[in-house]
């Protein structure tokens, strides 16, 4: 799954302005862009890719070696593989979640975008190019999924789902307000 999709899914599913806000009747009363959990979910949702590929991308751009598209595995430095293993491991994400739960409890909801990123990558990465090492460092096991970059229908499918979830999130509160009877203040 592409990094932008991970960010969008994180914002939709792991912030108070996203789908969790619907459960509480749109708990966030300020504009969504002012909700810090939205931006934290974006950061956690993109963290695994930015930690591994982001540094390499910046390095390629500043060295003048950038070209769009997937680089050959032989061109990718070893630190990218190590960073990918660490950032795409549910074991590492769970350990981080425990620390966040102890020291920064308010970040737990946005943090969930990180393990969600890993779960989304499991079926959308093939063994040919960065299969997701789910249980690293305990195990090298990975699922040989479908490389999203080689399946346009897969990309259209998950982006279609993201757009539908976004529309549902944006449209449901106004619909609820229209069908909810006005409650009058009958205090004596």
C-alpha atoms as a PDB file:
ATOM      1  CA  UNK A   1       0.000   0.000   0.000  1.00  0.00           C
ATOM      2  CA  UNK A   2       1.318   3.445  -0.796  1.00  0.00           C
ATOM      3  CA  UNK A   3       2.397   5.892   1.905  1.00  0.00           C
ATOM      4  CA  UNK A   4      -0.333   8.428   1.120  1.00  0.00           C
ATOM      5  CA  UNK A   5      -3.004   5.756   1.590  1.00  0.00           C
ATOM      6  CA  UNK A   6      -1.486   4.769   4.940  1.00  0.00           C
ATOM      7  CA  UNK A   7      -1.645   8.399   6.057  1.00  0.00           C
ATOM      8  CA  UNK A   8      -5.268   8.766   4.944  1.00  0.00           C
ATOM      9  CA  UNK A   9      -6.332   5.507   6.599  1.00  0.00           C
ATOM     10  CA  UNK A  10      -4.529   6.503   9.793  1.00  0.00           C
ATOM     11  CA  UNK A  11      -6.319   9.856   9.868  1.00  0.00           C
ATOM     12  CA  UNK A  12      -9.687   8.199   9.207  1.00  0.00           C
ATOM     13  CA  UNK A  13      -9.381   5.377  11.722  1.00  0.00           C
ATOM     14  CA  UNK A  14      -7.055   6.565  14.479  1.00  0.00           C
ATOM     15  CA  UNK A  15      -8.038  10.157  15.275  1.00  0.00           C
ATOM     16  CA  UNK A  16     -10.881  11.844  17.128  1.00  0.00           C
ATOM     17  CA  UNK A  17     -11.835  13.642  13.910  1.00  0.00           C
ATOM     18  CA  UNK A  18     -11.965  10.348  12.016  1.00  0.00           C
ATOM     19  CA  UNK A  19     -14.339   7.425  12.371  1.00  0.00           C
ATOM     20  CA  UNK A  20     -13.808   7.101  16.157  1.00  0.00           C
ATOM     21  CA  UNK A  21     -15.376  10.562  16.474  1.00  0.00           C
ATOM     22  CA  UNK A  22     -18.606   9.236  14.970  1.00  0.00           C
ATOM     23  CA  UNK A  23     -19.043   6.831  17.845  1.00  0.00           C
ATOM     24  CA  UNK A  24     -19.131   9.721  20.285  1.00  0.00           C
ATOM     25  CA  UNK A  25     -21.287  11.893  18.061  1.00  0.00           C
ATOM     26  CA  UNK A  26     -18.388  13.812  16.502  1.00  0.00           C
ATOM     27  CA  UNK A  27     -16.693  14.374  19.845  1.00  0.00           C
ATOM     28  CA  UNK A  28     -14.331  16.977  18.443  1.00  0.00           C
ATOM     29  CA  UNK A  29     -16.134  20.323  18.436  1.00  0.00           C
ATOM     30  CA  UNK A  30     -13.352  22.332  16.825  1.00  0.00           C
ATOM     31  CA  UNK A  31     -12.544  22.122  13.100  1.00  0.00           C
ATOM     32  CA  UNK A  32     -10.921  18.764  12.232  1.00  0.00           C
ATOM     33  CA  UNK A  33      -7.693  20.381  11.023  1.00  0.00           C
ATOM     34  CA  UNK A  34      -7.163  21.735  14.554  1.00  0.00           C
ATOM     35  CA  UNK A  35      -7.411  18.236  16.063  1.00  0.00           C
ATOM     36  CA  UNK A  36      -3.896  17.170  17.077  1.00  0.00           C
ATOM     37  CA  UNK A  37      -4.898  13.477  16.990  1.00  0.00           C
ATOM     38  CA  UNK A  38      -5.556  13.821  13.239  1.00  0.00           C
ATOM     39  CA  UNK A  39      -1.969  14.932  12.612  1.00  0.00           C
ATOM     40  CA  UNK A  40      -0.536  12.401  15.070  1.00  0.00           C
ATOM     41  CA  UNK A  41      -2.455   9.610  13.292  1.00  0.00           C
ATOM     42  CA  UNK A  42      -1.048  10.847   9.975  1.00  0.00           C
ATOM     43  CA  UNK A  43       2.456  10.716  11.463  1.00  0.00           C
ATOM     44  CA  UNK A  44       2.014   7.242  12.968  1.00  0.00           C
ATOM     45  CA  UNK A  45       0.342   5.962   9.781  1.00  0.00           C
ATOM     46  CA  UNK A  46       3.223   7.055   7.566  1.00  0.00           C
ATOM     47  CA  UNK A  47       6.018   6.438  10.095  1.00  0.00           C
ATOM     48  CA  UNK A  48       7.005   2.928   8.934  1.00  0.00           C
ATOM     49  CA  UNK A  49       7.476   4.052   5.317  1.00  0.00           C
ATOM     50  CA  UNK A  50       9.108   7.366   6.162  1.00  0.00           C
ATOM     51  CA  UNK A  51      11.591   5.726   8.539  1.00  0.00           C
ATOM     52  CA  UNK A  52      12.680   3.254   5.887  1.00  0.00           C
ATOM     53  CA  UNK A  53      12.101   4.751   2.457  1.00  0.00           C
ATOM     54  CA  UNK A  54      11.849   8.444   3.378  1.00  0.00           C
ATOM     55  CA  UNK A  55      15.496   8.776   4.341  1.00  0.00           C
ATOM     56  CA  UNK A  56      16.545   6.945   1.167  1.00  0.00           C
ATOM     57  CA  UNK A  57      14.286   9.171  -0.955  1.00  0.00           C
ATOM     58  CA  UNK A  58      15.806  12.347   0.508  1.00  0.00           C
ATOM     59  CA  UNK A  59      19.279  10.922  -0.033  1.00  0.00           C
ATOM     60  CA  UNK A  60      18.487  10.151  -3.697  1.00  0.00           C
ATOM     61  CA  UNK A  61      16.971  13.594  -4.309  1.00  0.00           C
ATOM     62  CA  UNK A  62      19.900  15.528  -2.813  1.00  0.00           C
ATOM     63  CA  UNK A  63      22.519  13.384  -4.540  1.00  0.00           C
ATOM     64  CA  UNK A  64      20.839  13.953  -7.905  1.00  0.00           C
ATOM     65  CA  UNK A  65      20.150  10.228  -8.346  1.00  0.00           C
ATOM     66  CA  UNK A  66      16.372  10.443  -8.083  1.00  0.00           C
ATOM     67  CA  UNK A  67      14.243   8.824 -10.721  1.00  0.00           C
ATOM     68  CA  UNK A  68      10.564   7.996 -10.307  1.00  0.00           C
ATOM     69  CA  UNK A  69       9.528   4.411  -9.897  1.00  0.00           C
ATOM     70  CA  UNK A  70      10.693   1.412  -7.961  1.00  0.00           C
ATOM     71  CA  UNK A  71      14.501   1.149  -7.641  1.00  0.00           C
ATOM     72  CA  UNK A  72      16.284  -2.148  -8.190  1.00  0.00           C
ATOM     73  CA  UNK A  73      16.862  -4.065  -4.968  1.00  0.00           C
ATOM     74  CA  UNK A  74      20.600  -4.046  -5.641  1.00  0.00           C
ATOM     75  CA  UNK A  75      20.631  -0.215  -5.569  1.00  0.00           C
ATOM     76  CA  UNK A  76      18.966   0.051  -2.164  1.00  0.00           C
ATOM     77  CA  UNK A  77      21.367   0.476   0.791  1.00  0.00           C
ATOM     78  CA  UNK A  78      21.269  -2.122   3.555  1.00  0.00           C
ATOM     79  CA  UNK A  79      20.070   0.410   6.158  1.00  0.00           C
ATOM     80  CA  UNK A  80      16.757   0.673   4.265  1.00  0.00           C
ATOM     81  CA  UNK A  81      16.159  -3.079   4.686  1.00  0.00           C
ATOM     82  CA  UNK A  82      17.002  -2.886   8.392  1.00  0.00           C
ATOM     83  CA  UNK A  83      14.786   0.168   8.931  1.00  0.00           C
ATOM     84  CA  UNK A  84      11.976  -1.556   7.020  1.00  0.00           C
ATOM     85  CA  UNK A  85      12.239  -4.679   9.186  1.00  0.00           C
ATOM     86  CA  UNK A  86      12.161  -2.635  12.391  1.00  0.00           C
ATOM     87  CA  UNK A  87       9.365  -0.257  11.366  1.00  0.00           C
ATOM     88  CA  UNK A  88       7.147  -2.954   9.798  1.00  0.00           C
ATOM     89  CA  UNK A  89       7.267  -5.398  12.720  1.00  0.00           C
ATOM     90  CA  UNK A  90       4.220  -5.903  14.928  1.00  0.00           C
ATOM     91  CA  UNK A  91       6.621  -6.929  17.703  1.00  0.00           C
ATOM     92  CA  UNK A  92       8.360  -3.539  17.572  1.00  0.00           C
ATOM     93  CA  UNK A  93       5.030  -1.700  17.172  1.00  0.00           C
ATOM     94  CA  UNK A  94       3.580  -3.552  20.182  1.00  0.00           C
ATOM     95  CA  UNK A  95       6.610  -2.643  22.307  1.00  0.00           C
ATOM     96  CA  UNK A  96       6.197   0.996  21.244  1.00  0.00           C
ATOM     97  CA  UNK A  97       2.491   0.780  22.068  1.00  0.00           C
ATOM     98  CA  UNK A  98       3.250  -0.438  25.581  1.00  0.00           C
ATOM     99  CA  UNK A  99       5.651   2.471  26.114  1.00  0.00           C
ATOM    100  CA  UNK A 100       3.117   4.937  24.721  1.00  0.00           C
ATOM    101  CA  UNK A 101       0.447   3.475  27.009  1.00  0.00           C
ATOM    102  CA  UNK A 102       2.713   3.985  30.011  1.00  0.00           C
ATOM    103  CA  UNK A 103       4.228   7.382  29.199  1.00  0.00           C
ATOM    104  CA  UNK A 104       1.871   9.096  26.734  1.00  0.00           C
ATOM    105  CA  UNK A 105      -1.590   7.585  27.130  1.00  0.00           C
ATOM    106  CA  UNK A 106      -3.269  10.380  25.166  1.00  0.00           C
ATOM    107  CA  UNK A 107      -1.356   9.200  22.065  1.00  0.00           C
ATOM    108  CA  UNK A 108      -2.777   5.664  22.124  1.00  0.00           C
ATOM    109  CA  UNK A 109      -5.557   6.322  19.594  1.00  0.00           C
ATOM    110  CA  UNK A 110      -3.272   7.914  16.983  1.00  0.00           C
ATOM    111  CA  UNK A 111      -0.614   5.254  17.658  1.00  0.00           C
ATOM    112  CA  UNK A 112      -3.036   2.599  16.345  1.00  0.00           C
ATOM    113  CA  UNK A 113      -2.344   3.903  12.820  1.00  0.00           C
ATOM    114  CA  UNK A 114       1.115   2.252  13.037  1.00  0.00           C
ATOM    115  CA  UNK A 115      -0.027  -1.369  13.575  1.00  0.00           C
ATOM    116  CA  UNK A 116      -2.849  -0.726  11.090  1.00  0.00           C
ATOM    117  CA  UNK A 117      -0.180   0.262   8.543  1.00  0.00           C
ATOM    118  CA  UNK A 118       1.529  -3.085   9.111  1.00  0.00           C
ATOM    119  CA  UNK A 119      -1.724  -5.043   8.775  1.00  0.00           C
ATOM    120  CA  UNK A 120      -2.493  -3.238   5.505  1.00  0.00           C
ATOM    121  CA  UNK A 121       0.985  -3.985   4.138  1.00  0.00           C
ATOM    122  CA  UNK A 122       0.837  -7.726   4.819  1.00  0.00           C
ATOM    123  CA  UNK A 123      -1.413  -8.564   1.826  1.00  0.00           C
ATOM    124  CA  UNK A 124      -0.233  -5.689  -0.401  1.00  0.00           C
ATOM    125  CA  UNK A 125       3.494  -6.496  -0.497  1.00  0.00           C
ATOM    126  CA  UNK A 126       4.990  -9.474  -2.293  1.00  0.00           C
ATOM    127  CA  UNK A 127       8.094 -11.466  -1.465  1.00  0.00           C
ATOM    128  CA  UNK A 128       9.735  -9.939  -4.546  1.00  0.00           C
ATOM    129  CA  UNK A 129       9.919  -6.438  -3.058  1.00  0.00           C
ATOM    130  CA  UNK A 130       9.795  -5.741   0.692  1.00  0.00           C
ATOM    131  CA  UNK A 131       7.418  -8.354   2.055  1.00  0.00           C
ATOM    132  CA  UNK A 132       6.265  -7.290   5.512  1.00  0.00           C
ATOM    133  CA  UNK A 133       8.323  -8.973   8.305  1.00  0.00           C
ATOM    134  CA  UNK A 134       5.381  -9.183  10.712  1.00  0.00           C
ATOM    135  CA  UNK A 135       7.168 -10.845  13.636  1.00  0.00           C
ATOM    136  CA  UNK A 136      10.709  -9.513  13.207  1.00  0.00           C
ATOM    137  CA  UNK A 137      13.090 -10.008  15.158  1.00  0.00           C
ATOM    138  CA  UNK A 138      11.443 -13.191  16.479  1.00  0.00           C
ATOM    139  CA  UNK A 139      10.767 -14.609  13.037  1.00  0.00           C
ATOM    140  CA  UNK A 140      11.510 -13.782   9.403  1.00  0.00           C
ATOM    141  CA  UNK A 141       8.029 -15.018   8.387  1.00  0.00           C
ATOM    142  CA  UNK A 142       6.168 -12.945   5.824  1.00  0.00           C
ATOM    143  CA  UNK A 143       3.093 -13.366   3.672  1.00  0.00           C
ATOM    144  CA  UNK A 144       3.745 -13.361  -0.066  1.00  0.00           C
ATOM    145  CA  UNK A 145       0.999 -10.926  -1.009  1.00  0.00           C
ATOM    146  CA  UNK A 146       0.078  -8.990  -4.106  1.00  0.00           C
ATOM    147  CA  UNK A 147       2.416  -6.133  -4.940  1.00  0.00           C
ATOM    148  CA  UNK A 148       0.139  -3.089  -4.980  1.00  0.00           C
ATOM    149  CA  UNK A 149       2.363  -1.350  -7.523  1.00  0.00           C
ATOM    150  CA  UNK A 150       1.711  -4.130 -10.040  1.00  0.00           C
ATOM    151  CA  UNK A 151      -2.056  -4.314  -9.553  1.00  0.00           C
ATOM    152  CA  UNK A 152      -3.898  -1.110 -10.503  1.00  0.00           C
ATOM    153  CA  UNK A 153      -7.226  -2.633  -9.426  1.00  0.00           C
ATOM    154  CA  UNK A 154      -5.828  -3.140  -5.934  1.00  0.00           C
ATOM    155  CA  UNK A 155      -4.822   0.528  -5.778  1.00  0.00           C
ATOM    156  CA  UNK A 156      -8.234   1.643  -7.078  1.00  0.00           C
ATOM    157  CA  UNK A 157      -9.901  -0.663  -4.553  1.00  0.00           C
ATOM    158  CA  UNK A 158      -8.194   0.643  -1.452  1.00  0.00           C
ATOM    159  CA  UNK A 159      -8.388   4.272  -2.590  1.00  0.00           C
ATOM    160  CA  UNK A 160     -12.073   3.736  -3.380  1.00  0.00           C
ATOM    161  CA  UNK A 161     -12.550   2.431   0.154  1.00  0.00           C
ATOM    162  CA  UNK A 162     -10.698   5.422   1.592  1.00  0.00           C
ATOM    163  CA  UNK A 163     -12.895   7.851  -0.374  1.00  0.00           C
ATOM    164  CA  UNK A 164     -16.070   6.041   0.754  1.00  0.00           C
ATOM    165  CA  UNK A 165     -14.953   6.081   4.403  1.00  0.00           C
ATOM    166  CA  UNK A 166     -14.055   9.760   4.129  1.00  0.00           C
ATOM    167  CA  UNK A 167     -17.456  10.562   2.591  1.00  0.00           C
ATOM    168  CA  UNK A 168     -19.224   8.557   5.281  1.00  0.00           C
ATOM    169  CA  UNK A 169     -17.286  10.378   7.998  1.00  0.00           C
ATOM    170  CA  UNK A 170     -18.020  13.782   6.526  1.00  0.00           C
ATOM    171  CA  UNK A 171     -21.694  13.185   5.689  1.00  0.00           C
ATOM    172  CA  UNK A 172     -22.960  11.195   8.671  1.00  0.00           C
ATOM    173  CA  UNK A 173     -22.869  13.958  11.325  1.00  0.00           C
ATOM    174  CA  UNK A 174     -24.934  16.410   9.208  1.00  0.00           C
ATOM    175  CA  UNK A 175     -27.433  13.642   8.446  1.00  0.00           C
ATOM    176  CA  UNK A 176     -27.703  12.806  12.156  1.00  0.00           C
ATOM    177  CA  UNK A 177     -28.332  16.469  12.961  1.00  0.00           C
ATOM    178  CA  UNK A 178     -31.152  16.666  10.404  1.00  0.00           C
ATOM    179  CA  UNK A 179     -32.941  13.544  11.626  1.00  0.00           C
ATOM    180  CA  UNK A 180     -32.349  14.037  15.354  1.00  0.00           C
ATOM    181  CA  UNK A 181     -35.332  15.817  16.928  1.00  0.00           C
ATOM    182  CA  UNK A 182     -34.532  19.193  18.385  1.00  0.00           C
ATOM    183  CA  UNK A 183     -34.338  18.953  22.142  1.00  0.00           C
ATOM    184  CA  UNK A 184     -35.858  21.943  23.831  1.00  0.00           C
ATOM    185  CA  UNK A 185     -34.539  23.268  27.071  1.00  0.00           C
ATOM    186  CA  UNK A 186     -37.436  22.708  29.508  1.00  0.00           C
ATOM    187  CA  UNK A 187     -35.744  23.769  32.705  1.00  0.00           C
ATOM    188  CA  UNK A 188     -37.881  25.446  35.320  1.00  0.00           C
END
